[in-house]
């Protein structure tokens, strides 16, 4: 029986998201190259630093939350395939 590839051509978006989230976590927590406070959402800084609106979604306080979010992405992939 030949092996059937179950990854569709649209699944690349989930792999890119996983790579981005894992990279940000690695650079902020494991390597320490980037300080997390640089990404936090602070309402009084939004006019001067608008990137904080979207960058705050990329930071995770610990490995448990990161893995939980990535697990949710995997569950979403499986649900959309069915």
Protein backbone atom coordinates (compact mmCIF):
# COMPACT_ATOMS: atom_id res chain seq x y z
CA UNK A 1 0.00 0.00 0.00
CA UNK A 2 1.57 3.32 -1.03
CA UNK A 3 2.03 6.06 1.54
CA UNK A 4 -0.54 8.83 1.16
CA UNK A 5 0.63 12.33 1.94
CA UNK A 6 -2.00 13.86 4.23
CA UNK A 7 -0.56 17.40 4.18
CA UNK A 8 -2.48 19.64 1.82
CA UNK A 9 -1.00 22.49 -0.13
CA UNK A 10 -2.73 24.98 2.21
CA UNK A 11 -1.11 23.69 5.40
CA UNK A 12 2.02 25.79 4.86
CA UNK A 13 0.35 28.69 6.70
CA UNK A 14 0.21 26.65 9.92
CA UNK A 15 3.85 25.65 9.60
CA UNK A 16 4.86 29.28 9.12
CA UNK A 17 2.85 30.27 12.22
CA UNK A 18 4.46 27.50 14.26
CA UNK A 19 7.91 28.57 13.09
CA UNK A 20 7.26 32.23 13.97
CA UNK A 21 5.90 31.47 17.45
CA UNK A 22 8.71 29.06 18.23
CA UNK A 23 11.35 31.47 16.95
CA UNK A 24 10.07 34.38 19.06
CA UNK A 25 9.93 32.14 22.14
CA UNK A 26 13.45 30.87 21.49
CA UNK A 27 14.89 34.35 20.98
CA UNK A 28 13.18 35.83 24.03
CA UNK A 29 13.33 33.01 26.60
CA UNK A 30 15.96 30.47 25.63
CA UNK A 31 18.64 32.59 23.98
CA UNK A 32 17.77 35.95 25.55
CA UNK A 33 18.63 37.97 22.46
CA UNK A 34 15.41 40.01 22.60
CA UNK A 35 13.80 41.39 25.74
CA UNK A 36 10.08 40.52 26.05
CA UNK A 37 9.25 43.95 27.46
CA UNK A 38 10.02 45.33 24.02
CA UNK A 39 6.93 43.49 22.67
CA UNK A 40 4.41 44.00 25.48
CA UNK A 41 1.19 45.86 24.77
CA UNK A 42 1.27 49.23 26.53
CA UNK A 43 -1.65 51.49 25.54
CA UNK A 44 0.19 54.77 26.15
CA UNK A 45 2.96 53.73 23.71
CA UNK A 46 0.73 52.73 20.79
CA UNK A 47 1.03 56.07 18.98
CA UNK A 48 4.84 56.01 19.16
CA UNK A 49 5.27 52.24 18.72
CA UNK A 50 2.29 50.78 16.78
CA UNK A 51 4.07 47.43 16.21
CA UNK A 52 3.18 46.53 19.82
CA UNK A 53 -0.43 45.85 18.79
CA UNK A 54 0.55 42.75 16.80
CA UNK A 55 3.86 41.81 18.44
CA UNK A 56 2.20 41.22 21.81
CA UNK A 57 0.40 38.22 20.31
CA UNK A 58 3.72 36.53 19.52
CA UNK A 59 5.13 36.53 23.04
CA UNK A 60 4.37 33.70 25.47
CA UNK A 61 5.17 33.86 29.17
CA UNK A 62 6.22 30.21 29.41
CA UNK A 63 6.71 27.00 27.44
CA UNK A 64 3.38 25.57 28.65
CA UNK A 65 1.33 28.32 26.99
CA UNK A 66 3.39 28.09 23.80
CA UNK A 67 2.80 24.33 23.54
CA UNK A 68 -0.90 24.78 24.33
CA UNK A 69 -1.28 27.31 21.53
CA UNK A 70 0.62 25.15 19.08
CA UNK A 71 -1.58 22.21 20.07
CA UNK A 72 -4.62 24.34 19.28
CA UNK A 73 -3.18 25.07 15.84
CA UNK A 74 -2.72 21.33 15.24
CA UNK A 75 -6.31 20.64 16.33
CA UNK A 76 -7.51 23.36 13.97
CA UNK A 77 -5.63 21.75 11.10
CA UNK A 78 -7.20 18.37 11.81
CA UNK A 79 -10.71 19.79 12.10
CA UNK A 80 -10.44 21.66 8.81
CA UNK A 81 -9.30 18.50 7.02
CA UNK A 82 -12.39 16.56 8.06
